[in-house]
Amino acid sequence: MIRGLLSAAVAGCCVCQSVLADLAPLPLKVEGRIVGTGLDTDGKKGKQVQEKKLRIELTSLSPKDPGPLQVTCIFYARDLKTDKMVVEKELNLATALSKGSVTLETPIEDFKSNQQHYEGGGTKPNGKPKKNVKKVEASGREYAGWGIRVYGPSHVLIGKAYSAAYLDPEESK
């Protein structure tokens, strides 16, 4: 079903990957890239907010018009309490290829987390450490990757791309 990996490029913190799906007679190139990435941290309390937005580029490699397309965008996160991969958000976008290609962007998705840290502590006026140190466990979710699945008119998968192969449910079987 998948003919091959077209490209994988690393630019700073963003990963770009293309996968060519060849379902007769409509080959489609699907590319995704994280843009507008921001990270806001509070160093003392361990709080982080990651902002991610996905730019999707679809290009038809066939002169045929595929008709209306349904694009499913999936943001994956790592739950810090359970240390498991979870689907943070799944978006469905409807589009059509104009002049053989189209570019879409998702809204900004926030990933909020709180790293493990200690509160309290410090020293007493006599220089000895205080005893009321409290450990705060990690919580929230950190960004882990993205996935794109493109469906044709009869809900047939015609293209897909993932930021990492292990995020693709078909590859991890």
N, C-alpha and C. Protein backbone atom coordinates (compact mmCIF):
# COMPACT_ATOMS: atom_id res chain seq x y z
N MET A 1 0.83 -1.19 0.00
CA MET A 1 0.00 0.00 0.00
C MET A 1 0.87 1.25 0.00
N ILE A 2 1.86 1.25 0.82
CA ILE A 2 2.75 2.41 0.84
C ILE A 2 3.96 2.09 -0.02
N ARG A 3 4.19 2.94 -1.00
CA ARG A 3 5.28 2.68 -1.92
C ARG A 3 6.63 3.03 -1.31
N GLY A 4 6.69 4.06 -0.51
CA GLY A 4 7.98 4.37 0.09
C GLY A 4 7.99 5.70 0.79
N LEU A 5 9.03 5.92 1.48
CA LEU A 5 9.23 7.18 2.21
C LEU A 5 9.87 8.17 1.26
N LEU A 6 9.24 9.31 1.06
CA LEU A 6 9.78 10.31 0.13
C LEU A 6 10.85 11.16 0.78
N SER A 7 10.54 11.71 1.96
CA SER A 7 11.55 12.57 2.57
C SER A 7 11.32 12.65 4.06
N ALA A 8 12.40 12.84 4.77
CA ALA A 8 12.32 13.14 6.19
C ALA A 8 13.37 14.20 6.45
N ALA A 9 12.97 15.32 7.00
CA ALA A 9 13.89 16.42 7.23
C ALA A 9 13.72 16.93 8.63
N VAL A 10 14.82 17.32 9.21
CA VAL A 10 14.76 17.89 10.55
C VAL A 10 15.16 19.35 10.45
N ALA A 11 14.31 20.23 10.96
CA ALA A 11 14.59 21.66 10.95
C ALA A 11 14.34 22.18 12.35
N GLY A 12 15.38 22.35 13.13
CA GLY A 12 15.21 22.76 14.52
C GLY A 12 14.52 21.65 15.29
N CYS A 13 13.36 21.95 15.86
CA CYS A 13 12.60 20.98 16.64
C CYS A 13 11.50 20.33 15.82
N CYS A 14 11.35 20.68 14.56
CA CYS A 14 10.22 20.14 13.81
C CYS A 14 10.68 19.03 12.89
N VAL A 15 9.86 18.03 12.75
CA VAL A 15 10.14 16.90 11.88
C VAL A 15 9.16 16.95 10.73
N CYS A 16 9.65 16.79 9.53
CA CYS A 16 8.78 16.77 8.36
C CYS A 16 8.93 15.42 7.70
N GLN A 17 7.83 14.79 7.36
CA GLN A 17 7.88 13.48 6.76
C GLN A 17 6.80 13.36 5.70
N SER A 18 7.12 12.71 4.60
CA SER A 18 6.15 12.47 3.54
C SER A 18 6.03 10.99 3.30
N VAL A 19 4.84 10.55 3.02
CA VAL A 19 4.61 9.16 2.66
C VAL A 19 3.75 9.17 1.41
N LEU A 20 4.10 8.35 0.44
CA LEU A 20 3.34 8.26 -0.79
C LEU A 20 2.44 7.05 -0.72
N ALA A 21 1.15 7.26 -0.78
CA ALA A 21 0.20 6.16 -0.79
C ALA A 21 -0.21 5.94 -2.23
N ASP A 22 -0.16 4.70 -2.67
CA ASP A 22 -0.48 4.40 -4.06
C ASP A 22 -1.70 3.49 -4.11
N LEU A 23 -2.87 4.07 -4.08
CA LEU A 23 -4.11 3.33 -4.24
C LEU A 23 -4.61 3.66 -5.63
N ALA A 24 -4.66 2.67 -6.46
CA ALA A 24 -5.03 2.88 -7.86
C ALA A 24 -6.31 3.66 -7.97
N PRO A 25 -6.41 4.56 -8.86
CA PRO A 25 -5.39 5.17 -9.70
C PRO A 25 -4.96 6.53 -9.18
N LEU A 26 -5.08 6.79 -7.89
CA LEU A 26 -4.81 8.13 -7.37
C LEU A 26 -3.67 8.14 -6.36
N PRO A 27 -2.43 8.37 -6.81
CA PRO A 27 -1.36 8.55 -5.84
C PRO A 27 -1.40 9.97 -5.26
N LEU A 28 -1.17 10.07 -3.97
CA LEU A 28 -1.26 11.35 -3.28
C LEU A 28 -0.06 11.52 -2.37
N LYS A 29 0.59 12.66 -2.45
CA LYS A 29 1.72 12.97 -1.57
C LYS A 29 1.18 13.76 -0.38
N VAL A 30 1.48 13.29 0.82
CA VAL A 30 1.01 13.93 2.05
C VAL A 30 2.23 14.36 2.86
N GLU A 31 2.30 15.65 3.20
CA GLU A 31 3.40 16.17 4.00
C GLU A 31 2.84 16.93 5.19
N GLY A 32 3.53 16.83 6.31
CA GLY A 32 3.14 17.56 7.51
C GLY A 32 4.35 18.19 8.15
N ARG A 33 4.13 19.32 8.79
CA ARG A 33 5.23 20.03 9.46
C ARG A 33 4.65 20.83 10.62
N ILE A 34 5.33 20.79 11.75
CA ILE A 34 4.94 21.61 12.90
C ILE A 34 5.49 23.01 12.67
N VAL A 35 4.61 24.01 12.78
CA VAL A 35 5.02 25.41 12.61
C VAL A 35 4.54 26.22 13.82
N GLY A 36 5.17 27.33 14.05
CA GLY A 36 4.74 28.22 15.14
C GLY A 36 4.86 27.58 16.51
N THR A 37 5.91 26.79 16.70
CA THR A 37 6.08 26.09 17.96
C THR A 37 6.55 27.06 19.04
N GLY A 38 5.91 26.99 20.19
CA GLY A 38 6.31 27.81 21.31
C GLY A 38 6.38 26.98 22.57
N LEU A 39 7.22 27.37 23.50
CA LEU A 39 7.34 26.68 24.78
C LEU A 39 7.43 27.75 25.85
N ASP A 40 6.50 27.70 26.78
CA ASP A 40 6.49 28.65 27.89
C ASP A 40 6.72 27.84 29.16
N THR A 41 7.74 28.20 29.93
CA THR A 41 8.05 27.44 31.14
C THR A 41 8.12 28.35 32.36
N ASP A 42 7.84 27.74 33.49
CA ASP A 42 8.03 28.39 34.78
C ASP A 42 9.05 27.51 35.50
N GLY A 43 10.31 27.87 35.42
CA GLY A 43 11.40 27.04 35.91
C GLY A 43 11.27 26.57 37.34
N LYS A 44 10.80 27.41 38.25
CA LYS A 44 10.73 27.03 39.65
C LYS A 44 9.64 26.01 39.91
N LYS A 45 8.50 26.15 39.27
CA LYS A 45 7.38 25.25 39.54
C LYS A 45 7.29 24.10 38.54
N GLY A 46 8.13 24.09 37.52
CA GLY A 46 8.16 22.99 36.56
C GLY A 46 7.01 22.98 35.58
N LYS A 47 6.26 24.08 35.47
CA LYS A 47 5.11 24.11 34.56
C LYS A 47 5.57 24.44 33.14
N GLN A 48 4.97 23.73 32.17
CA GLN A 48 5.28 23.97 30.76
C GLN A 48 4.00 24.03 29.95
N VAL A 49 3.99 24.88 28.94
CA VAL A 49 2.91 24.92 27.96
C VAL A 49 3.57 24.89 26.59
N GLN A 50 3.28 23.85 25.82
CA GLN A 50 3.81 23.72 24.46
C GLN A 50 2.68 24.06 23.49
N GLU A 51 2.95 24.91 22.52
CA GLU A 51 1.96 25.27 21.51
C GLU A 51 2.40 24.67 20.17
N LYS A 52 1.50 23.90 19.56
CA LYS A 52 1.82 23.23 18.30
C LYS A 52 0.72 23.49 17.28
N LYS A 53 1.14 23.73 16.04
CA LYS A 53 0.22 23.91 14.92
C LYS A 53 0.78 23.10 13.76
N LEU A 54 -0.08 22.36 13.08
CA LEU A 54 0.35 21.48 12.01
C LEU A 54 -0.01 22.06 10.65
N ARG A 55 0.99 22.18 9.78
CA ARG A 55 0.76 22.61 8.39
C ARG A 55 0.78 21.34 7.53
N ILE A 56 -0.27 21.17 6.74
CA ILE A 56 -0.44 19.98 5.93
C ILE A 56 -0.43 20.38 4.46
N GLU A 57 0.37 19.67 3.67
CA GLU A 57 0.42 19.91 2.23
C GLU A 57 0.04 18.63 1.51
N LEU A 58 -1.00 18.70 0.69
CA LEU A 58 -1.45 17.56 -0.10
C LEU A 58 -1.19 17.87 -1.56
N THR A 59 -0.59 16.92 -2.28
CA THR A 59 -0.30 17.09 -3.69
C THR A 59 -0.73 15.84 -4.44
N SER A 60 -1.57 16.01 -5.44
CA SER A 60 -1.99 14.88 -6.27
C SER A 60 -0.90 14.60 -7.28
N LEU A 61 -0.53 13.33 -7.42
CA LEU A 61 0.48 12.93 -8.39
C LEU A 61 -0.19 12.31 -9.61
N SER A 62 -1.47 12.60 -9.77
CA SER A 62 -2.26 12.09 -10.88
C SER A 62 -3.05 13.24 -11.48
N PRO A 63 -3.30 13.22 -12.79
CA PRO A 63 -4.10 14.29 -13.39
C PRO A 63 -5.58 14.21 -13.02
N LYS A 64 -6.01 13.10 -12.45
CA LYS A 64 -7.42 12.95 -12.06
C LYS A 64 -7.74 13.79 -10.84
N ASP A 65 -8.95 14.33 -10.82
CA ASP A 65 -9.42 15.08 -9.65
C ASP A 65 -10.00 14.07 -8.65
N PRO A 66 -9.45 13.99 -7.43
CA PRO A 66 -9.94 13.00 -6.47
C PRO A 66 -11.30 13.34 -5.87
N GLY A 67 -11.77 14.56 -6.09
CA GLY A 67 -13.04 14.97 -5.49
C GLY A 67 -12.82 15.46 -4.08
N PRO A 68 -13.88 15.50 -3.28
CA PRO A 68 -13.74 15.99 -1.90
C PRO A 68 -12.91 15.03 -1.06
N LEU A 69 -12.07 15.60 -0.20
CA LEU A 69 -11.20 14.81 0.68
C LEU A 69 -11.51 15.11 2.13
N GLN A 70 -11.37 14.11 2.97
CA GLN A 70 -11.51 14.26 4.42
C GLN A 70 -10.13 14.04 5.02
N VAL A 71 -9.59 15.04 5.69
CA VAL A 71 -8.26 14.97 6.29
C VAL A 71 -8.42 14.86 7.80
N THR A 72 -7.85 13.80 8.38
CA THR A 72 -7.87 13.61 9.83
C THR A 72 -6.48 13.90 10.37
N CYS A 73 -6.40 14.87 11.28
CA CYS A 73 -5.13 15.26 11.92
C CYS A 73 -5.17 14.78 13.37
N ILE A 74 -4.12 14.12 13.79
CA ILE A 74 -4.06 13.57 15.14
C ILE A 74 -2.82 14.12 15.83
N PHE A 75 -3.02 14.70 17.02
CA PHE A 75 -1.91 15.13 17.86
C PHE A 75 -1.74 14.08 18.96
N TYR A 76 -0.52 13.58 19.11
CA TYR A 76 -0.22 12.59 20.14
C TYR A 76 0.52 13.26 21.30
N ALA A 77 0.28 12.74 22.50
CA ALA A 77 0.94 13.27 23.69
C ALA A 77 1.38 12.12 24.58
N ARG A 78 2.32 12.41 25.46
CA ARG A 78 2.75 11.43 26.47
C ARG A 78 2.19 11.89 27.79
N ASP A 79 1.36 11.03 28.40
CA ASP A 79 0.80 11.33 29.71
C ASP A 79 1.90 11.14 30.75
N LEU A 80 2.21 12.18 31.51
CA LEU A 80 3.34 12.12 32.45
C LEU A 80 3.05 11.27 33.68
N LYS A 81 1.78 11.09 34.05
CA LYS A 81 1.47 10.24 35.20
C LYS A 81 1.61 8.77 34.86
N THR A 82 1.09 8.37 33.71
CA THR A 82 1.09 6.96 33.33
C THR A 82 2.25 6.60 32.41
N ASP A 83 2.94 7.60 31.86
CA ASP A 83 4.03 7.42 30.91
C ASP A 83 3.58 6.63 29.68
N LYS A 84 2.35 6.90 29.22
CA LYS A 84 1.81 6.22 28.05
C LYS A 84 1.48 7.24 26.96
N MET A 85 1.53 6.76 25.71
CA MET A 85 1.18 7.58 24.57
C MET A 85 -0.35 7.64 24.45
N VAL A 86 -0.89 8.85 24.27
CA VAL A 86 -2.34 9.04 24.15
C VAL A 86 -2.62 9.98 22.98
N VAL A 87 -3.86 9.91 22.48
CA VAL A 87 -4.30 10.86 21.47
C VAL A 87 -4.79 12.09 22.20
N GLU A 88 -4.10 13.21 22.01
CA GLU A 88 -4.48 14.46 22.68
C GLU A 88 -5.67 15.11 21.98
N LYS A 89 -5.61 15.15 20.65
CA LYS A 89 -6.70 15.78 19.90
C LYS A 89 -6.74 15.19 18.50
N GLU A 90 -7.96 15.02 17.99
CA GLU A 90 -8.17 14.55 16.63
C GLU A 90 -9.09 15.54 15.93
N LEU A 91 -8.63 16.06 14.80
CA LEU A 91 -9.39 17.05 14.04
C LEU A 91 -9.74 16.49 12.67
N ASN A 92 -10.93 16.81 12.17
CA ASN A 92 -11.33 16.42 10.82
C ASN A 92 -11.52 17.68 10.00
N LEU A 93 -10.83 17.73 8.86
CA LEU A 93 -10.91 18.87 7.95
C LEU A 93 -11.38 18.39 6.58
N ALA A 94 -12.32 19.10 5.99
CA ALA A 94 -12.78 18.78 4.64
C ALA A 94 -12.08 19.72 3.67
N THR A 95 -11.65 19.18 2.53
CA THR A 95 -10.96 20.00 1.54
C THR A 95 -11.09 19.37 0.16
N ALA A 96 -10.62 20.07 -0.83
CA ALA A 96 -10.52 19.58 -2.20
C ALA A 96 -9.20 20.08 -2.77
N LEU A 97 -8.63 19.34 -3.69
CA LEU A 97 -7.37 19.76 -4.30
C LEU A 97 -7.66 20.74 -5.43
N SER A 98 -7.19 21.96 -5.27
CA SER A 98 -7.33 22.95 -6.34
C SER A 98 -5.98 23.04 -7.05
N LYS A 99 -6.00 22.85 -8.35
CA LYS A 99 -4.78 22.85 -9.17
C LYS A 99 -3.80 21.79 -8.70
N GLY A 100 -4.31 20.70 -8.18
CA GLY A 100 -3.47 19.56 -7.82
C GLY A 100 -2.84 19.60 -6.45
N SER A 101 -2.99 20.70 -5.70
CA SER A 101 -2.40 20.73 -4.36
C SER A 101 -3.18 21.68 -3.46
N VAL A 102 -3.02 21.48 -2.17
CA VAL A 102 -3.67 22.33 -1.19
C VAL A 102 -2.82 22.34 0.08
N THR A 103 -2.83 23.47 0.79
CA THR A 103 -2.14 23.59 2.08
C THR A 103 -3.17 23.94 3.14
N LEU A 104 -3.16 23.19 4.23
CA LEU A 104 -4.08 23.40 5.35
C LEU A 104 -3.27 23.64 6.62
N GLU A 105 -3.86 24.33 7.58
CA GLU A 105 -3.24 24.50 8.90
C GLU A 105 -4.28 24.21 9.97
N THR A 106 -3.84 23.55 11.02
CA THR A 106 -4.73 23.27 12.14
C THR A 106 -4.67 24.45 13.11
N PRO A 107 -5.68 24.58 13.96
CA PRO A 107 -5.57 25.59 15.02
C PRO A 107 -4.44 25.20 15.99
N ILE A 108 -3.98 26.16 16.76
CA ILE A 108 -2.92 25.89 17.74
C ILE A 108 -3.47 24.99 18.84
N GLU A 109 -2.69 23.96 19.16
CA GLU A 109 -3.04 23.02 20.22
C GLU A 109 -2.06 23.21 21.38
N ASP A 110 -2.58 23.37 22.59
CA ASP A 110 -1.74 23.54 23.78
C ASP A 110 -1.55 22.22 24.50
N PHE A 111 -0.32 21.93 24.88
CA PHE A 111 0.01 20.75 25.67
C PHE A 111 0.55 21.28 27.00
N LYS A 112 -0.19 21.03 28.07
CA LYS A 112 0.19 21.55 29.38
C LYS A 112 0.72 20.42 30.25
N SER A 113 1.82 20.70 30.93
CA SER A 113 2.42 19.70 31.81
C SER A 113 3.08 20.37 33.00
N ASN A 114 3.31 19.57 34.01
CA ASN A 114 3.97 20.00 35.23
C ASN A 114 5.02 18.95 35.55
N GLN A 115 6.28 19.30 35.42
CA GLN A 115 7.37 18.36 35.67
C GLN A 115 7.48 18.05 37.16
N GLN A 116 8.05 16.89 37.46
CA GLN A 116 8.28 16.54 38.86
C GLN A 116 9.23 17.58 39.46
N HIS A 117 8.89 18.07 40.65
CA HIS A 117 9.74 19.05 41.32
C HIS A 117 9.46 19.02 42.82
N TYR A 118 10.22 19.81 43.56
CA TYR A 118 10.07 19.88 45.01
C TYR A 118 9.67 21.29 45.40
N GLU A 119 8.74 21.39 46.33
CA GLU A 119 8.31 22.70 46.84
C GLU A 119 8.70 22.82 48.30
N GLY A 120 8.87 24.06 48.71
CA GLY A 120 9.29 24.30 50.09
C GLY A 120 10.80 24.24 50.16
N GLY A 121 11.28 23.86 51.29
CA GLY A 121 12.72 23.73 51.43
C GLY A 121 13.38 25.05 51.72
N GLY A 122 14.59 25.18 51.26
CA GLY A 122 15.37 26.38 51.54
C GLY A 122 16.17 26.17 52.82
N THR A 123 16.59 27.26 53.42
CA THR A 123 17.38 27.17 54.65
C THR A 123 16.78 28.06 55.72
N LYS A 124 17.04 27.64 56.94
CA LYS A 124 16.62 28.44 58.10
C LYS A 124 17.64 29.56 58.28
N PRO A 125 17.29 30.57 59.12
CA PRO A 125 18.25 31.66 59.35
C PRO A 125 19.60 31.17 59.88
N ASN A 126 19.61 30.02 60.56
CA ASN A 126 20.87 29.50 61.09
C ASN A 126 21.66 28.70 60.05
N GLY A 127 21.14 28.61 58.80
CA GLY A 127 21.86 27.92 57.74
C GLY A 127 21.51 26.46 57.59
N LYS A 128 20.67 25.92 58.47
CA LYS A 128 20.29 24.50 58.37
C LYS A 128 19.09 24.37 57.43
N PRO A 129 18.96 23.22 56.73
CA PRO A 129 17.85 23.05 55.79
C PRO A 129 16.51 22.89 56.50
N LYS A 130 15.46 23.41 55.86
CA LYS A 130 14.10 23.24 56.38
C LYS A 130 13.64 21.81 56.11
N LYS A 131 12.75 21.31 56.94
CA LYS A 131 12.30 19.93 56.82
C LYS A 131 11.02 19.79 56.00
N ASN A 132 10.34 20.87 55.69
CA ASN A 132 9.04 20.78 55.03
C ASN A 132 9.15 20.80 53.50
N VAL A 133 9.95 19.90 52.94
CA VAL A 133 10.11 19.79 51.50
C VAL A 133 9.06 18.81 50.99
N LYS A 134 8.31 19.23 49.97
CA LYS A 134 7.23 18.39 49.43
C LYS A 134 7.54 18.06 47.97
N LYS A 135 7.47 16.76 47.65
CA LYS A 135 7.69 16.31 46.27
C LYS A 135 6.37 16.42 45.50
N VAL A 136 6.40 17.10 44.37
CA VAL A 136 5.22 17.23 43.51
C VAL A 136 5.45 16.35 42.29
N GLU A 137 4.57 15.36 42.10
CA GLU A 137 4.71 14.41 40.99
C GLU A 137 4.40 15.09 39.65
N ALA A 138 4.95 14.53 38.59
CA ALA A 138 4.70 15.03 37.24
C ALA A 138 3.24 14.80 36.87
N SER A 139 2.67 15.74 36.11
CA SER A 139 1.28 15.60 35.67
C SER A 139 1.12 16.31 34.33
N GLY A 140 0.01 16.05 33.67
CA GLY A 140 -0.27 16.69 32.39
C GLY A 140 0.24 15.86 31.23
N ARG A 141 0.30 16.50 30.08
CA ARG A 141 0.69 15.81 28.85
C ARG A 141 1.69 16.64 28.06
N GLU A 142 2.71 15.95 27.53
CA GLU A 142 3.73 16.58 26.69
C GLU A 142 3.52 16.16 25.24
N TYR A 143 3.78 17.06 24.32
CA TYR A 143 3.67 16.77 22.89
C TYR A 143 4.58 15.59 22.52
N ALA A 144 4.05 14.67 21.69
CA ALA A 144 4.84 13.51 21.29
C ALA A 144 4.89 13.31 19.77
N GLY A 145 3.98 13.93 19.02
CA GLY A 145 4.02 13.76 17.57
C GLY A 145 2.67 14.02 16.92
N TRP A 146 2.60 13.76 15.61
CA TRP A 146 1.38 14.01 14.87
C TRP A 146 1.17 12.92 13.84
N GLY A 147 -0.07 12.83 13.35
CA GLY A 147 -0.42 11.91 12.27
C GLY A 147 -1.44 12.57 11.36
N ILE A 148 -1.38 12.22 10.08
CA ILE A 148 -2.32 12.74 9.09
C ILE A 148 -2.83 11.55 8.28
N ARG A 149 -4.13 11.45 8.13
CA ARG A 149 -4.76 10.43 7.30
C ARG A 149 -5.72 11.13 6.35
N VAL A 150 -5.62 10.82 5.06
CA VAL A 150 -6.46 11.45 4.04
C VAL A 150 -7.36 10.39 3.42
N TYR A 151 -8.66 10.68 3.45
CA TYR A 151 -9.66 9.76 2.92
C TYR A 151 -10.32 10.35 1.69
N GLY A 152 -10.58 9.49 0.70
CA GLY A 152 -11.25 9.90 -0.52
C GLY A 152 -12.76 9.91 -0.36
N PRO A 153 -13.48 10.08 -1.48
CA PRO A 153 -14.94 10.21 -1.44
C PRO A 153 -15.68 9.05 -0.76
N SER A 154 -15.27 7.82 -0.94
CA SER A 154 -15.98 6.70 -0.32
C SER A 154 -15.28 6.24 0.96
N HIS A 155 -14.66 7.16 1.67
CA HIS A 155 -13.94 6.93 2.92
C HIS A 155 -12.84 5.87 2.78
N VAL A 156 -12.18 5.89 1.62
CA VAL A 156 -11.05 5.00 1.36
C VAL A 156 -9.78 5.78 1.68
N LEU A 157 -8.88 5.18 2.45
CA LEU A 157 -7.61 5.83 2.79
C LEU A 157 -6.77 5.97 1.52
N ILE A 158 -6.42 7.21 1.17
CA ILE A 158 -5.61 7.43 -0.03
C ILE A 158 -4.25 8.04 0.27
N GLY A 159 -4.00 8.43 1.51
CA GLY A 159 -2.69 8.97 1.87
C GLY A 159 -2.56 9.13 3.36
N LYS A 160 -1.31 9.06 3.85
CA LYS A 160 -1.07 9.25 5.28
C LYS A 160 0.37 9.67 5.50
N ALA A 161 0.60 10.30 6.64
CA ALA A 161 1.95 10.70 7.05
C ALA A 161 1.95 10.78 8.58
N TYR A 162 3.07 10.41 9.18
CA TYR A 162 3.23 10.46 10.64
C TYR A 162 4.60 11.05 10.95
N SER A 163 4.70 11.74 12.07
CA SER A 163 5.98 12.32 12.46
C SER A 163 6.98 11.24 12.86
N ALA A 164 6.49 10.07 13.26
CA ALA A 164 7.34 8.93 13.60
C ALA A 164 6.57 7.66 13.23
N ALA A 165 7.27 6.65 12.73
CA ALA A 165 6.62 5.43 12.26
C ALA A 165 5.86 4.71 13.37
N TYR A 166 6.34 4.76 14.61
CA TYR A 166 5.67 4.04 15.69
C TYR A 166 4.30 4.62 16.04
N LEU A 167 3.98 5.82 15.56
CA LEU A 167 2.67 6.41 15.81
C LEU A 167 1.60 5.87 14.86
N ASP A 168 2.02 5.30 13.74
CA ASP A 168 1.08 4.74 12.77
C ASP A 168 0.55 3.41 13.30
N PRO A 169 -0.77 3.30 13.54
CA PRO A 169 -1.32 2.06 14.08
C PRO A 169 -1.09 0.86 13.16
N GLU A 170 -1.01 1.08 11.86
CA GLU A 170 -0.78 -0.03 10.93
C GLU A 170 0.67 -0.50 10.96
N GLU A 171 1.60 0.37 11.25
CA GLU A 171 3.02 0.01 11.31
C GLU A 171 3.38 -0.68 12.61
N SER A 172 2.66 -0.38 13.67
CA SER A 172 3.02 -0.91 14.99
C SER A 172 2.39 -2.27 15.28
N LYS A 173 1.70 -2.85 14.29
CA LYS A 173 1.09 -4.17 14.49
C LYS A 173 2.11 -5.26 14.41
